N, C-alpha and C. Protein backbone atom coordinates (compact mmCIF):
# COMPACT_ATOMS: atom_id res chain seq x y z
N MET A 1 55.51 3.86 -26.79
CA MET A 1 54.26 3.53 -26.09
C MET A 1 53.52 2.42 -26.84
N TYR A 2 53.07 1.44 -26.12
CA TYR A 2 52.44 0.26 -26.69
C TYR A 2 50.94 0.48 -26.83
N LEU A 3 50.38 0.16 -28.00
CA LEU A 3 48.95 0.30 -28.24
C LEU A 3 48.27 -1.05 -27.98
N LEU A 4 47.39 -1.06 -26.99
CA LEU A 4 46.71 -2.31 -26.62
C LEU A 4 45.58 -2.63 -27.58
N SER A 5 45.35 -3.91 -27.77
CA SER A 5 44.22 -4.39 -28.56
C SER A 5 43.21 -5.03 -27.61
N LYS A 6 42.29 -5.79 -28.15
CA LYS A 6 41.31 -6.49 -27.30
C LYS A 6 41.94 -7.68 -26.58
N GLU A 7 43.12 -8.09 -27.04
CA GLU A 7 43.80 -9.21 -26.40
C GLU A 7 44.19 -8.83 -24.97
N LEU A 8 43.96 -9.75 -24.05
CA LEU A 8 44.22 -9.48 -22.64
C LEU A 8 45.70 -9.67 -22.34
N ILE A 9 46.47 -8.62 -22.63
CA ILE A 9 47.92 -8.70 -22.46
C ILE A 9 48.49 -7.30 -22.29
N PHE A 10 49.57 -7.19 -21.53
CA PHE A 10 50.31 -5.94 -21.40
C PHE A 10 51.75 -6.17 -21.86
N PRO A 11 52.41 -5.14 -22.34
CA PRO A 11 53.82 -5.29 -22.70
C PRO A 11 54.68 -5.41 -21.45
N PRO A 12 55.91 -5.89 -21.57
CA PRO A 12 56.82 -5.92 -20.42
C PRO A 12 56.98 -4.53 -19.83
N ILE A 13 56.93 -4.43 -18.52
CA ILE A 13 56.87 -3.10 -17.92
C ILE A 13 58.18 -2.33 -18.01
N HIS A 14 59.28 -3.02 -18.33
CA HIS A 14 60.53 -2.28 -18.50
C HIS A 14 60.50 -1.39 -19.74
N LEU A 15 59.46 -1.55 -20.57
CA LEU A 15 59.31 -0.71 -21.76
C LEU A 15 58.64 0.63 -21.44
N ALA A 16 58.21 0.83 -20.20
CA ALA A 16 57.61 2.11 -19.81
C ALA A 16 58.65 3.23 -19.96
N ASN A 17 58.18 4.43 -20.31
CA ASN A 17 59.11 5.55 -20.46
C ASN A 17 59.51 6.10 -19.09
N GLU A 18 60.29 7.16 -19.06
CA GLU A 18 60.82 7.67 -17.79
C GLU A 18 59.72 8.20 -16.86
N ASP A 19 58.54 8.52 -17.43
CA ASP A 19 57.42 8.96 -16.61
C ASP A 19 56.55 7.79 -16.14
N GLY A 20 56.90 6.59 -16.57
CA GLY A 20 56.13 5.41 -16.18
C GLY A 20 55.04 5.03 -17.16
N LEU A 21 54.88 5.82 -18.24
CA LEU A 21 53.83 5.54 -19.21
C LEU A 21 54.20 4.29 -20.01
N LEU A 22 53.29 3.33 -20.00
CA LEU A 22 53.58 2.03 -20.61
C LEU A 22 52.75 1.74 -21.85
N ALA A 23 51.45 1.99 -21.77
CA ALA A 23 50.56 1.57 -22.86
C ALA A 23 49.34 2.48 -22.92
N ILE A 24 48.62 2.37 -24.03
CA ILE A 24 47.42 3.16 -24.24
C ILE A 24 46.35 2.26 -24.88
N GLY A 25 45.10 2.50 -24.50
CA GLY A 25 44.00 1.74 -25.10
C GLY A 25 43.53 0.59 -24.24
N GLY A 26 42.97 -0.42 -24.87
CA GLY A 26 42.41 -1.54 -24.13
C GLY A 26 41.07 -1.18 -23.52
N ASP A 27 40.77 -1.77 -22.38
CA ASP A 27 39.49 -1.53 -21.71
C ASP A 27 39.68 -1.58 -20.21
N LEU A 28 38.59 -1.38 -19.48
CA LEU A 28 38.64 -1.42 -18.03
C LEU A 28 37.82 -2.59 -17.50
N SER A 29 37.90 -3.72 -18.18
CA SER A 29 37.20 -4.91 -17.71
C SER A 29 37.83 -5.38 -16.40
N VAL A 30 37.06 -6.11 -15.63
CA VAL A 30 37.56 -6.66 -14.37
C VAL A 30 38.82 -7.48 -14.62
N GLU A 31 38.80 -8.28 -15.68
CA GLU A 31 39.93 -9.17 -15.97
C GLU A 31 41.19 -8.37 -16.29
N ARG A 32 41.05 -7.32 -17.10
CA ARG A 32 42.23 -6.54 -17.46
C ARG A 32 42.77 -5.74 -16.27
N LEU A 33 41.86 -5.16 -15.50
CA LEU A 33 42.30 -4.40 -14.34
C LEU A 33 43.04 -5.29 -13.34
N LEU A 34 42.52 -6.47 -13.11
CA LEU A 34 43.16 -7.38 -12.16
C LEU A 34 44.53 -7.81 -12.67
N LEU A 35 44.64 -8.09 -13.97
CA LEU A 35 45.93 -8.42 -14.57
C LEU A 35 46.90 -7.26 -14.42
N ALA A 36 46.40 -6.05 -14.64
CA ALA A 36 47.25 -4.87 -14.53
C ALA A 36 47.84 -4.73 -13.13
N TYR A 37 46.99 -4.77 -12.12
CA TYR A 37 47.48 -4.58 -10.75
C TYR A 37 48.43 -5.68 -10.33
N LYS A 38 48.16 -6.90 -10.74
CA LYS A 38 49.05 -8.01 -10.41
C LYS A 38 50.39 -7.89 -11.14
N SER A 39 50.43 -7.06 -12.18
CA SER A 39 51.65 -6.85 -12.97
C SER A 39 52.34 -5.54 -12.63
N GLY A 40 51.82 -4.80 -11.63
CA GLY A 40 52.42 -3.53 -11.25
C GLY A 40 52.04 -2.37 -12.15
N ILE A 41 50.87 -2.46 -12.75
CA ILE A 41 50.39 -1.46 -13.71
C ILE A 41 49.05 -0.92 -13.24
N PHE A 42 48.77 0.35 -13.51
CA PHE A 42 47.47 0.92 -13.17
C PHE A 42 47.06 1.96 -14.21
N PRO A 43 45.73 2.20 -14.38
CA PRO A 43 45.26 3.21 -15.32
C PRO A 43 45.26 4.59 -14.68
N TRP A 44 45.57 5.60 -15.49
CA TRP A 44 45.58 6.99 -14.97
C TRP A 44 45.42 7.93 -16.16
N TYR A 45 44.26 8.50 -16.29
CA TYR A 45 43.99 9.38 -17.43
C TYR A 45 42.81 10.28 -17.08
N ASN A 46 42.56 11.27 -17.92
CA ASN A 46 41.48 12.21 -17.68
C ASN A 46 40.28 11.93 -18.58
N GLN A 47 39.12 12.45 -18.17
CA GLN A 47 37.90 12.31 -18.97
C GLN A 47 38.14 12.82 -20.38
N GLY A 48 37.72 12.06 -21.36
CA GLY A 48 37.88 12.46 -22.76
C GLY A 48 39.16 11.95 -23.39
N GLU A 49 40.05 11.39 -22.59
CA GLU A 49 41.29 10.83 -23.10
C GLU A 49 41.16 9.32 -23.26
N PRO A 50 41.99 8.69 -24.09
CA PRO A 50 42.03 7.22 -24.12
C PRO A 50 42.59 6.70 -22.81
N ILE A 51 42.37 5.44 -22.53
CA ILE A 51 42.89 4.83 -21.30
C ILE A 51 44.42 4.78 -21.39
N ILE A 52 45.09 5.27 -20.37
CA ILE A 52 46.55 5.27 -20.32
C ILE A 52 46.99 4.45 -19.12
N TRP A 53 47.99 3.60 -19.33
CA TRP A 53 48.45 2.66 -18.31
C TRP A 53 49.87 3.01 -17.89
N TYR A 54 50.11 2.98 -16.57
CA TYR A 54 51.39 3.39 -16.01
C TYR A 54 52.01 2.30 -15.15
N SER A 55 53.34 2.33 -15.11
CA SER A 55 54.11 1.53 -14.16
C SER A 55 55.34 2.35 -13.79
N PRO A 56 55.22 3.27 -12.84
CA PRO A 56 56.30 4.21 -12.54
C PRO A 56 57.50 3.57 -11.85
N ASN A 57 58.63 4.21 -12.03
CA ASN A 57 59.87 3.80 -11.38
C ASN A 57 60.61 5.07 -10.97
N PRO A 58 60.77 5.30 -9.64
CA PRO A 58 60.48 4.41 -8.51
C PRO A 58 59.00 4.37 -8.17
N ARG A 59 58.66 3.53 -7.21
CA ARG A 59 57.28 3.33 -6.77
C ARG A 59 57.15 3.77 -5.31
N MET A 60 56.12 4.54 -5.02
CA MET A 60 55.88 5.00 -3.65
C MET A 60 55.09 3.92 -2.91
N VAL A 61 55.59 3.48 -1.77
CA VAL A 61 54.91 2.43 -1.00
C VAL A 61 55.01 2.74 0.49
N LEU A 62 54.13 2.13 1.24
CA LEU A 62 54.25 2.14 2.70
C LEU A 62 54.32 0.71 3.19
N PHE A 63 55.41 0.37 3.89
CA PHE A 63 55.44 -0.88 4.64
C PHE A 63 54.70 -0.59 5.94
N PRO A 64 53.62 -1.31 6.23
CA PRO A 64 52.76 -0.97 7.37
C PRO A 64 53.50 -0.74 8.68
N GLU A 65 54.58 -1.49 8.90
CA GLU A 65 55.32 -1.33 10.15
C GLU A 65 56.08 0.00 10.21
N ASN A 66 56.19 0.69 9.06
CA ASN A 66 56.89 1.98 9.01
C ASN A 66 55.95 3.18 9.14
N LEU A 67 54.70 2.92 9.43
CA LEU A 67 53.72 4.00 9.58
C LEU A 67 54.18 5.02 10.62
N LYS A 68 54.09 6.29 10.27
CA LYS A 68 54.44 7.37 11.19
C LYS A 68 53.17 8.12 11.60
N ILE A 69 52.95 8.24 12.89
CA ILE A 69 51.81 8.99 13.40
C ILE A 69 52.35 10.15 14.22
N SER A 70 52.10 11.37 13.78
CA SER A 70 52.62 12.54 14.46
C SER A 70 51.94 12.73 15.82
N LYS A 71 52.54 13.55 16.66
CA LYS A 71 51.95 13.83 17.97
C LYS A 71 50.57 14.44 17.83
N SER A 72 50.41 15.33 16.85
CA SER A 72 49.10 15.97 16.65
C SER A 72 48.05 14.96 16.22
N MET A 73 48.45 13.99 15.38
CA MET A 73 47.49 12.97 14.96
C MET A 73 47.16 12.02 16.10
N LYS A 74 48.12 11.75 16.96
CA LYS A 74 47.83 10.91 18.13
C LYS A 74 46.79 11.57 19.02
N GLN A 75 46.87 12.90 19.11
CA GLN A 75 45.86 13.64 19.89
C GLN A 75 44.49 13.55 19.24
N VAL A 76 44.46 13.65 17.91
CA VAL A 76 43.19 13.53 17.18
C VAL A 76 42.58 12.16 17.41
N ILE A 77 43.39 11.13 17.36
CA ILE A 77 42.91 9.76 17.58
C ILE A 77 42.35 9.60 18.99
N ARG A 78 43.05 10.16 19.97
CA ARG A 78 42.59 10.05 21.36
C ARG A 78 41.26 10.76 21.60
N LYS A 79 41.00 11.82 20.84
CA LYS A 79 39.76 12.58 21.01
C LYS A 79 38.54 11.80 20.51
N ARG A 80 38.79 10.82 19.65
CA ARG A 80 37.71 9.97 19.11
C ARG A 80 36.61 10.80 18.43
N GLU A 81 37.05 11.73 17.62
CA GLU A 81 36.12 12.58 16.88
C GLU A 81 35.51 11.84 15.69
N PHE A 82 36.16 10.76 15.28
CA PHE A 82 35.74 10.04 14.08
C PHE A 82 35.39 8.59 14.39
N THR A 83 34.48 8.05 13.58
CA THR A 83 34.22 6.62 13.56
C THR A 83 34.70 6.10 12.22
N ILE A 84 35.41 5.00 12.24
CA ILE A 84 35.97 4.46 11.01
C ILE A 84 35.39 3.08 10.74
N THR A 85 34.99 2.86 9.49
CA THR A 85 34.48 1.56 9.07
C THR A 85 35.29 1.07 7.88
N PHE A 86 35.21 -0.23 7.63
CA PHE A 86 35.96 -0.82 6.52
C PHE A 86 35.01 -1.46 5.53
N ASN A 87 35.07 -0.97 4.28
CA ASN A 87 34.35 -1.59 3.17
C ASN A 87 32.84 -1.62 3.38
N GLN A 88 32.30 -0.56 3.97
CA GLN A 88 30.87 -0.50 4.25
C GLN A 88 30.10 0.39 3.28
N ASN A 89 30.79 1.32 2.59
CA ASN A 89 30.10 2.20 1.66
C ASN A 89 31.04 2.61 0.53
N PHE A 90 31.46 1.62 -0.23
CA PHE A 90 32.44 1.83 -1.29
C PHE A 90 31.97 2.87 -2.31
N GLU A 91 30.73 2.77 -2.74
CA GLU A 91 30.25 3.67 -3.79
C GLU A 91 30.26 5.13 -3.34
N ALA A 92 29.96 5.38 -2.08
CA ALA A 92 30.01 6.76 -1.57
C ALA A 92 31.45 7.26 -1.53
N VAL A 93 32.38 6.39 -1.18
CA VAL A 93 33.79 6.79 -1.12
C VAL A 93 34.32 7.14 -2.50
N ILE A 94 34.10 6.28 -3.48
CA ILE A 94 34.64 6.57 -4.81
C ILE A 94 33.95 7.79 -5.43
N SER A 95 32.66 7.98 -5.12
CA SER A 95 31.96 9.16 -5.61
C SER A 95 32.56 10.44 -5.04
N ASN A 96 32.88 10.42 -3.75
CA ASN A 96 33.50 11.59 -3.13
C ASN A 96 34.91 11.81 -3.65
N CYS A 97 35.66 10.74 -3.87
CA CYS A 97 37.00 10.87 -4.43
C CYS A 97 36.94 11.49 -5.84
N LYS A 98 35.89 11.17 -6.54
CA LYS A 98 35.73 11.69 -7.91
C LYS A 98 35.39 13.17 -7.92
N THR A 99 34.55 13.61 -7.00
CA THR A 99 34.01 14.97 -7.07
C THR A 99 34.73 15.98 -6.18
N ILE A 100 35.56 15.51 -5.24
CA ILE A 100 36.24 16.46 -4.35
C ILE A 100 37.20 17.33 -5.17
N PHE A 101 37.29 18.60 -4.82
CA PHE A 101 38.18 19.50 -5.56
C PHE A 101 39.63 19.16 -5.28
N ARG A 102 40.44 19.09 -6.34
CA ARG A 102 41.87 18.85 -6.21
C ARG A 102 42.63 19.85 -7.06
N THR A 103 43.71 20.35 -6.53
CA THR A 103 44.56 21.23 -7.30
C THR A 103 45.36 20.40 -8.31
N ALA A 104 46.00 21.08 -9.25
CA ALA A 104 46.76 20.39 -10.29
C ALA A 104 47.88 19.54 -9.70
N ASP A 105 48.56 20.06 -8.64
CA ASP A 105 49.66 19.30 -8.05
C ASP A 105 49.19 18.11 -7.22
N GLN A 106 47.88 18.00 -7.00
CA GLN A 106 47.30 16.83 -6.33
C GLN A 106 46.82 15.80 -7.34
N GLY A 107 47.09 16.06 -8.61
CA GLY A 107 46.70 15.11 -9.65
C GLY A 107 45.41 15.48 -10.36
N GLY A 108 44.76 16.57 -9.91
CA GLY A 108 43.52 16.99 -10.55
C GLY A 108 42.43 15.95 -10.39
N THR A 109 41.38 16.10 -11.18
CA THR A 109 40.27 15.14 -11.17
C THR A 109 40.51 14.13 -12.27
N TRP A 110 40.76 12.86 -11.91
CA TRP A 110 41.10 11.85 -12.91
C TRP A 110 40.16 10.65 -12.87
N ILE A 111 39.25 10.61 -11.90
CA ILE A 111 38.33 9.47 -11.82
C ILE A 111 37.18 9.71 -12.80
N THR A 112 37.25 9.09 -13.94
CA THR A 112 36.24 9.24 -14.97
C THR A 112 35.00 8.42 -14.62
N ASN A 113 33.92 8.63 -15.35
CA ASN A 113 32.71 7.83 -15.16
C ASN A 113 33.01 6.35 -15.38
N GLU A 114 33.86 6.09 -16.39
CA GLU A 114 34.21 4.71 -16.72
C GLU A 114 35.03 4.07 -15.60
N ILE A 115 35.97 4.82 -15.05
CA ILE A 115 36.75 4.33 -13.91
C ILE A 115 35.83 4.01 -12.74
N GLN A 116 34.93 4.94 -12.44
CA GLN A 116 34.02 4.76 -11.31
C GLN A 116 33.22 3.47 -11.44
N GLN A 117 32.61 3.25 -12.59
CA GLN A 117 31.78 2.07 -12.79
C GLN A 117 32.61 0.77 -12.76
N SER A 118 33.81 0.83 -13.33
CA SER A 118 34.65 -0.38 -13.36
C SER A 118 35.10 -0.78 -11.96
N TYR A 119 35.42 0.21 -11.13
CA TYR A 119 35.88 -0.12 -9.79
C TYR A 119 34.72 -0.54 -8.89
N ILE A 120 33.54 -0.06 -9.17
CA ILE A 120 32.36 -0.55 -8.46
C ILE A 120 32.15 -2.03 -8.78
N GLU A 121 32.39 -2.41 -10.03
CA GLU A 121 32.31 -3.83 -10.39
C GLU A 121 33.38 -4.64 -9.66
N LEU A 122 34.58 -4.08 -9.55
CA LEU A 122 35.63 -4.77 -8.80
C LEU A 122 35.24 -4.92 -7.33
N HIS A 123 34.56 -3.91 -6.81
CA HIS A 123 34.11 -3.98 -5.42
C HIS A 123 33.08 -5.09 -5.25
N LYS A 124 32.15 -5.19 -6.17
CA LYS A 124 31.11 -6.22 -6.09
C LYS A 124 31.72 -7.62 -6.11
N LYS A 125 32.90 -7.75 -6.72
CA LYS A 125 33.58 -9.04 -6.78
C LYS A 125 34.55 -9.24 -5.62
N GLY A 126 34.54 -8.30 -4.68
CA GLY A 126 35.37 -8.42 -3.49
C GLY A 126 36.82 -8.05 -3.70
N ILE A 127 37.14 -7.34 -4.79
CA ILE A 127 38.53 -6.99 -5.11
C ILE A 127 38.85 -5.55 -4.69
N ALA A 128 37.97 -4.62 -4.99
CA ALA A 128 38.16 -3.22 -4.58
C ALA A 128 37.48 -3.00 -3.23
N LYS A 129 38.20 -2.32 -2.33
CA LYS A 129 37.68 -2.13 -0.97
C LYS A 129 37.91 -0.69 -0.51
N SER A 130 37.19 -0.31 0.53
CA SER A 130 37.23 1.08 0.97
C SER A 130 37.36 1.21 2.49
N VAL A 131 37.82 2.36 2.90
CA VAL A 131 37.80 2.77 4.31
C VAL A 131 36.95 4.02 4.38
N GLU A 132 36.01 4.07 5.35
CA GLU A 132 35.13 5.24 5.50
C GLU A 132 35.38 5.91 6.84
N VAL A 133 35.45 7.23 6.82
CA VAL A 133 35.64 8.01 8.04
C VAL A 133 34.39 8.87 8.26
N TRP A 134 33.77 8.68 9.40
CA TRP A 134 32.51 9.36 9.72
C TRP A 134 32.71 10.33 10.88
N GLN A 135 31.97 11.42 10.83
CA GLN A 135 31.99 12.38 11.93
C GLN A 135 30.57 12.56 12.45
N HIS A 136 30.41 12.48 13.76
CA HIS A 136 29.09 12.63 14.37
C HIS A 136 28.73 14.12 14.47
N PHE A 137 27.51 14.46 14.05
CA PHE A 137 27.10 15.87 14.15
C PHE A 137 25.87 16.04 15.04
N ASP A 138 25.31 14.95 15.53
CA ASP A 138 24.22 15.02 16.49
C ASP A 138 24.35 13.80 17.39
N SER A 139 25.08 13.97 18.48
CA SER A 139 25.36 12.81 19.35
C SER A 139 24.10 12.23 19.95
N ALA A 140 23.08 13.07 20.16
CA ALA A 140 21.84 12.58 20.75
C ALA A 140 21.12 11.65 19.79
N GLN A 141 21.12 12.04 18.51
CA GLN A 141 20.44 11.24 17.49
C GLN A 141 21.33 10.12 16.94
N GLY A 142 22.63 10.28 17.16
CA GLY A 142 23.55 9.29 16.59
C GLY A 142 23.80 9.52 15.12
N ASP A 143 23.44 10.71 14.62
CA ASP A 143 23.63 11.00 13.20
C ASP A 143 25.10 11.22 12.88
N LYS A 144 25.51 10.82 11.70
CA LYS A 144 26.90 10.98 11.29
C LYS A 144 26.95 11.22 9.78
N LYS A 145 28.05 11.81 9.34
CA LYS A 145 28.22 12.05 7.91
C LYS A 145 29.61 11.58 7.48
N LEU A 146 29.70 11.19 6.24
CA LEU A 146 30.96 10.71 5.67
C LEU A 146 31.85 11.91 5.37
N VAL A 147 33.01 11.98 6.02
CA VAL A 147 33.88 13.15 5.86
C VAL A 147 35.24 12.79 5.28
N GLY A 148 35.50 11.53 5.07
CA GLY A 148 36.77 11.13 4.50
C GLY A 148 36.80 9.66 4.18
N GLY A 149 37.82 9.25 3.46
CA GLY A 149 37.94 7.83 3.13
C GLY A 149 38.96 7.59 2.03
N LEU A 150 39.13 6.34 1.71
CA LEU A 150 40.02 5.94 0.62
C LEU A 150 39.52 4.63 0.04
N TYR A 151 40.01 4.30 -1.15
CA TYR A 151 39.69 3.00 -1.73
C TYR A 151 40.89 2.49 -2.51
N GLY A 152 40.90 1.20 -2.77
CA GLY A 152 41.98 0.60 -3.53
C GLY A 152 41.69 -0.85 -3.86
N ILE A 153 42.70 -1.50 -4.41
CA ILE A 153 42.59 -2.89 -4.86
C ILE A 153 43.31 -3.80 -3.88
N ASP A 154 42.61 -4.81 -3.39
CA ASP A 154 43.15 -5.75 -2.42
C ASP A 154 43.65 -7.00 -3.14
N LEU A 155 44.98 -7.17 -3.17
CA LEU A 155 45.56 -8.33 -3.84
C LEU A 155 45.91 -9.46 -2.87
N GLY A 156 45.48 -9.33 -1.64
CA GLY A 156 45.70 -10.41 -0.68
C GLY A 156 46.83 -10.13 0.30
N THR A 157 48.01 -9.77 -0.21
CA THR A 157 49.12 -9.39 0.66
C THR A 157 49.64 -7.99 0.33
N VAL A 158 49.11 -7.41 -0.73
CA VAL A 158 49.43 -6.03 -1.13
C VAL A 158 48.12 -5.30 -1.37
N PHE A 159 48.01 -4.09 -0.80
CA PHE A 159 46.83 -3.25 -1.03
C PHE A 159 47.27 -2.09 -1.91
N CYS A 160 46.66 -1.98 -3.08
CA CYS A 160 47.02 -0.93 -4.03
C CYS A 160 46.09 0.26 -3.84
N GLY A 161 46.57 1.28 -3.14
CA GLY A 161 45.75 2.45 -2.89
C GLY A 161 45.51 3.23 -4.17
N GLU A 162 44.28 3.70 -4.35
CA GLU A 162 43.92 4.42 -5.56
C GLU A 162 43.64 5.90 -5.32
N SER A 163 42.81 6.21 -4.37
CA SER A 163 42.47 7.61 -4.13
C SER A 163 41.91 7.77 -2.73
N MET A 164 42.03 8.99 -2.20
CA MET A 164 41.45 9.30 -0.90
C MET A 164 40.83 10.69 -0.95
N PHE A 165 39.96 10.98 -0.01
CA PHE A 165 39.36 12.30 0.05
C PHE A 165 39.19 12.72 1.50
N SER A 166 39.07 14.02 1.72
CA SER A 166 38.88 14.55 3.06
C SER A 166 38.04 15.82 2.97
N LYS A 167 36.97 15.86 3.74
CA LYS A 167 36.12 17.05 3.80
C LYS A 167 36.38 17.88 5.04
N VAL A 168 37.06 17.30 6.02
CA VAL A 168 37.46 18.02 7.23
C VAL A 168 38.91 17.66 7.51
N SER A 169 39.57 18.46 8.30
CA SER A 169 40.98 18.22 8.61
C SER A 169 41.21 16.83 9.20
N ASN A 170 42.23 16.17 8.70
CA ASN A 170 42.74 14.89 9.23
C ASN A 170 41.92 13.67 8.85
N ALA A 171 40.81 13.83 8.13
CA ALA A 171 39.96 12.67 7.83
C ALA A 171 40.66 11.66 6.94
N SER A 172 41.36 12.13 5.90
CA SER A 172 42.04 11.17 5.02
C SER A 172 43.21 10.52 5.73
N LYS A 173 43.89 11.27 6.60
CA LYS A 173 44.97 10.68 7.39
C LYS A 173 44.44 9.59 8.31
N MET A 174 43.27 9.81 8.89
CA MET A 174 42.66 8.80 9.75
C MET A 174 42.38 7.52 8.96
N ALA A 175 41.89 7.68 7.74
CA ALA A 175 41.60 6.52 6.89
C ALA A 175 42.88 5.74 6.59
N PHE A 176 43.95 6.45 6.26
CA PHE A 176 45.20 5.81 5.90
C PHE A 176 45.83 5.12 7.11
N ILE A 177 45.81 5.79 8.25
CA ILE A 177 46.36 5.20 9.48
C ILE A 177 45.59 3.93 9.85
N TYR A 178 44.27 4.01 9.78
CA TYR A 178 43.45 2.83 10.08
C TYR A 178 43.82 1.67 9.16
N LEU A 179 43.92 1.97 7.86
CA LEU A 179 44.23 0.91 6.89
C LEU A 179 45.60 0.29 7.18
N ALA A 180 46.60 1.13 7.40
CA ALA A 180 47.95 0.62 7.64
C ALA A 180 48.00 -0.26 8.88
N GLN A 181 47.33 0.15 9.94
CA GLN A 181 47.33 -0.65 11.18
C GLN A 181 46.57 -1.96 10.99
N LYS A 182 45.48 -1.90 10.25
CA LYS A 182 44.70 -3.12 9.98
C LYS A 182 45.53 -4.11 9.16
N LEU A 183 46.19 -3.62 8.12
CA LEU A 183 46.95 -4.50 7.24
C LEU A 183 48.20 -5.06 7.92
N GLU A 184 48.78 -4.28 8.83
CA GLU A 184 49.93 -4.79 9.57
C GLU A 184 49.52 -6.00 10.42
N LYS A 185 48.36 -5.90 11.06
CA LYS A 185 47.86 -7.01 11.87
C LYS A 185 47.58 -8.24 11.02
N GLU A 186 47.23 -8.01 9.75
CA GLU A 186 46.89 -9.11 8.84
C GLU A 186 48.07 -9.55 7.99
N ASN A 187 49.26 -9.04 8.35
CA ASN A 187 50.52 -9.46 7.72
C ASN A 187 50.60 -9.13 6.22
N TYR A 188 50.02 -8.01 5.83
CA TYR A 188 50.20 -7.55 4.45
C TYR A 188 51.62 -7.04 4.27
N LYS A 189 52.14 -7.18 3.07
CA LYS A 189 53.51 -6.77 2.78
C LYS A 189 53.65 -5.26 2.69
N LEU A 190 52.73 -4.63 1.97
CA LEU A 190 52.85 -3.19 1.78
C LEU A 190 51.56 -2.59 1.23
N ILE A 191 51.49 -1.27 1.28
CA ILE A 191 50.44 -0.50 0.61
C ILE A 191 51.10 0.22 -0.55
N ASP A 192 50.59 0.00 -1.75
CA ASP A 192 51.09 0.68 -2.93
C ASP A 192 50.48 2.09 -2.98
N CYS A 193 51.35 3.10 -2.99
CA CYS A 193 50.90 4.49 -3.06
C CYS A 193 51.18 5.11 -4.42
N GLN A 194 51.70 4.31 -5.33
CA GLN A 194 51.94 4.66 -6.74
C GLN A 194 53.07 5.67 -6.92
N VAL A 195 52.79 6.96 -6.75
CA VAL A 195 53.81 7.98 -7.00
C VAL A 195 53.97 8.89 -5.78
N TYR A 196 55.11 9.52 -5.68
CA TYR A 196 55.45 10.31 -4.51
C TYR A 196 54.49 11.47 -4.29
N ASN A 197 54.10 11.68 -3.03
CA ASN A 197 53.49 12.94 -2.63
C ASN A 197 53.81 13.19 -1.16
N ASN A 198 53.87 14.46 -0.80
CA ASN A 198 54.31 14.85 0.53
C ASN A 198 53.40 14.32 1.64
N HIS A 199 52.10 14.28 1.34
CA HIS A 199 51.12 13.84 2.33
C HIS A 199 51.43 12.42 2.81
N LEU A 200 51.67 11.52 1.86
CA LEU A 200 51.94 10.13 2.23
C LEU A 200 53.35 9.95 2.78
N ALA A 201 54.28 10.77 2.30
CA ALA A 201 55.64 10.71 2.84
C ALA A 201 55.64 11.06 4.33
N SER A 202 54.79 11.99 4.72
CA SER A 202 54.72 12.38 6.13
C SER A 202 54.18 11.26 7.00
N LEU A 203 53.50 10.30 6.39
CA LEU A 203 52.94 9.17 7.11
C LEU A 203 53.84 7.94 7.07
N GLY A 204 55.01 8.09 6.45
CA GLY A 204 55.97 6.99 6.46
C GLY A 204 56.19 6.30 5.13
N ALA A 205 55.44 6.70 4.10
CA ALA A 205 55.64 6.08 2.79
C ALA A 205 56.96 6.53 2.19
N ASP A 206 57.55 5.68 1.36
CA ASP A 206 58.84 5.99 0.75
C ASP A 206 58.91 5.33 -0.62
N GLU A 207 59.90 5.71 -1.39
CA GLU A 207 60.05 5.17 -2.74
C GLU A 207 60.98 3.97 -2.75
N ILE A 208 60.61 2.96 -3.55
CA ILE A 208 61.48 1.82 -3.81
C ILE A 208 61.53 1.63 -5.32
N SER A 209 62.45 0.85 -5.79
CA SER A 209 62.55 0.63 -7.23
C SER A 209 61.36 -0.18 -7.74
N ARG A 210 61.07 -0.03 -9.01
CA ARG A 210 59.98 -0.81 -9.60
C ARG A 210 60.27 -2.30 -9.49
N GLU A 211 61.53 -2.69 -9.68
CA GLU A 211 61.91 -4.09 -9.58
C GLU A 211 61.63 -4.63 -8.19
N ALA A 212 61.97 -3.83 -7.17
CA ALA A 212 61.71 -4.26 -5.79
C ALA A 212 60.21 -4.38 -5.54
N PHE A 213 59.45 -3.41 -6.06
CA PHE A 213 58.00 -3.45 -5.88
C PHE A 213 57.41 -4.72 -6.51
N LEU A 214 57.86 -5.05 -7.70
CA LEU A 214 57.33 -6.23 -8.39
C LEU A 214 57.60 -7.51 -7.60
N SER A 215 58.70 -7.54 -6.87
CA SER A 215 59.03 -8.74 -6.10
C SER A 215 58.00 -9.03 -5.02
N PHE A 216 57.30 -7.97 -4.55
CA PHE A 216 56.28 -8.15 -3.52
C PHE A 216 54.95 -8.64 -4.12
N LEU A 217 54.80 -8.57 -5.42
CA LEU A 217 53.58 -9.01 -6.07
C LEU A 217 53.59 -10.49 -6.40
N LYS A 218 54.74 -11.12 -6.26
CA LYS A 218 54.86 -12.54 -6.63
C LYS A 218 54.27 -13.45 -5.57
């Protein structure tokens, strides 16, 4: 494992161990985070731990054209129970992603205070973006509440998904489906989902080699 200094540099990613762990230390400056994502690297650690940087192999991704929408989700979409917005309330989305309860197999709670503030800075610079899913609870008043969403890093042709949350059934799926359809229209190459999970696999995401993933970042 490589120990980072203040120098803005990462080791070659082929030096990552079998779990994808590449380096430890450094900081979460805008410059370092942007370099990391452009190099196929991301931070993932818990509160109280040093910053840990990963580049897993294989890499979970979704090619937007491979999006799978189940019959039940198509029914949910047709019912129009949700309103979806793009990049309208980033801070609320990352706050909910941070505080929503997650089991250990869902990765637990890993969004530290430092992560939260750093990604808010990335958002202010137009790099980190969000999808918000709203549910109306008083149609007469037009009142709505945030019930789901996701956020990630926009590299122009690749969107690096970071986290999502859902307070009601299907809300996070709605956010992901919206994002995939939007990015397909805008000719994005793929959505980076980092590591395998069943939820994203059901939506069409699959694993590719780290080498193949890096080729899409060029």
